[in-house]
Amino acid sequence: MRRYFFEILAVTLIGGSLLFFYECVVFLTRRDYVAAIILMFIGFAVIRVGAELARVALVQKE
């Protein structure tokens, strides 16, 4: 049960990071570079957490 929870949470976080990158592109089109850089760092942090949770889910699989 925990493994499935971690897998769902990892996929959700990785998918959510794509939204941050999309908003980053939107802010770049508005020429708001500071907000785009902040969103880019948040997106990288969220995708890293999602990858770590995916790794935990793989360890739980065994």
Protein backbone atom coordinates (compact mmCIF):
# COMPACT_ATOMS: atom_id res chain seq x y z
CA MET A 1 0.00 0.00 0.00
CA ARG A 2 2.83 2.41 0.85
CA ARG A 3 4.53 1.66 -2.44
CA TYR A 4 1.47 2.69 -4.43
CA PHE A 5 1.15 5.86 -2.39
CA PHE A 6 4.76 6.78 -3.12
CA GLU A 7 4.34 5.99 -6.83
CA ILE A 8 1.21 8.14 -7.13
CA LEU A 9 2.84 10.97 -5.19
CA ALA A 10 5.99 10.80 -7.33
CA VAL A 11 4.02 10.94 -10.59
CA THR A 12 1.93 13.82 -9.23
CA LEU A 13 5.02 15.80 -8.23
CA ILE A 14 6.79 15.22 -11.53
CA GLY A 15 3.63 16.24 -13.39
CA GLY A 16 3.23 19.26 -11.13
CA SER A 17 6.74 20.38 -11.91
CA LEU A 18 5.75 20.58 -15.57
CA LEU A 19 3.19 23.20 -14.58
CA PHE A 20 5.93 25.27 -12.97
CA PHE A 21 7.99 25.05 -16.16
CA TYR A 22 4.95 26.06 -18.22
CA GLU A 23 4.41 29.11 -16.02
CA CYS A 24 8.13 29.86 -16.38
CA VAL A 25 7.70 30.04 -20.14
CA VAL A 26 4.63 32.26 -19.73
CA PHE A 27 6.59 34.69 -17.58
CA LEU A 28 9.43 34.66 -20.11
CA THR A 29 7.01 35.73 -22.84
CA ARG A 30 5.95 38.62 -20.58
CA ARG A 31 9.65 39.49 -20.14
CA ASP A 32 9.45 39.00 -16.37
CA TYR A 33 12.82 37.32 -15.98
CA VAL A 34 13.05 37.33 -12.18
CA ALA A 35 9.75 35.49 -11.76
CA ALA A 36 10.75 33.02 -14.48
CA ILE A 37 14.03 32.22 -12.74
CA ILE A 38 12.27 31.72 -9.40
CA LEU A 39 9.70 29.41 -11.00
CA MET A 40 12.46 27.50 -12.76
CA PHE A 41 14.23 26.80 -9.45
CA ILE A 42 10.94 25.74 -7.84
CA GLY A 43 10.27 23.41 -10.77
CA PHE A 44 13.70 21.81 -10.42
CA ALA A 45 13.18 21.35 -6.68
CA VAL A 46 9.76 19.75 -7.15
CA ILE A 47 11.02 17.39 -9.86
CA ARG A 48 13.93 16.39 -7.63
CA VAL A 49 11.59 15.53 -4.76
CA GLY A 50 9.44 13.52 -7.18
CA ALA A 51 12.48 11.60 -8.36
CA GLU A 52 13.48 10.82 -4.78
CA LEU A 53 10.00 9.54 -4.01
CA ALA A 54 10.14 7.38 -7.13
CA ARG A 55 13.40 5.95 -5.84
CA VAL A 56 11.76 5.20 -2.47
CA ALA A 57 8.87 3.50 -4.29
CA LEU A 58 11.37 1.29 -6.13
CA VAL A 59 13.04 0.31 -2.88
CA GLN A 60 9.63 -0.54 -1.37
CA LYS A 61 8.97 -2.81 -4.36
CA GLU A 62 11.52 -5.39 -3.26
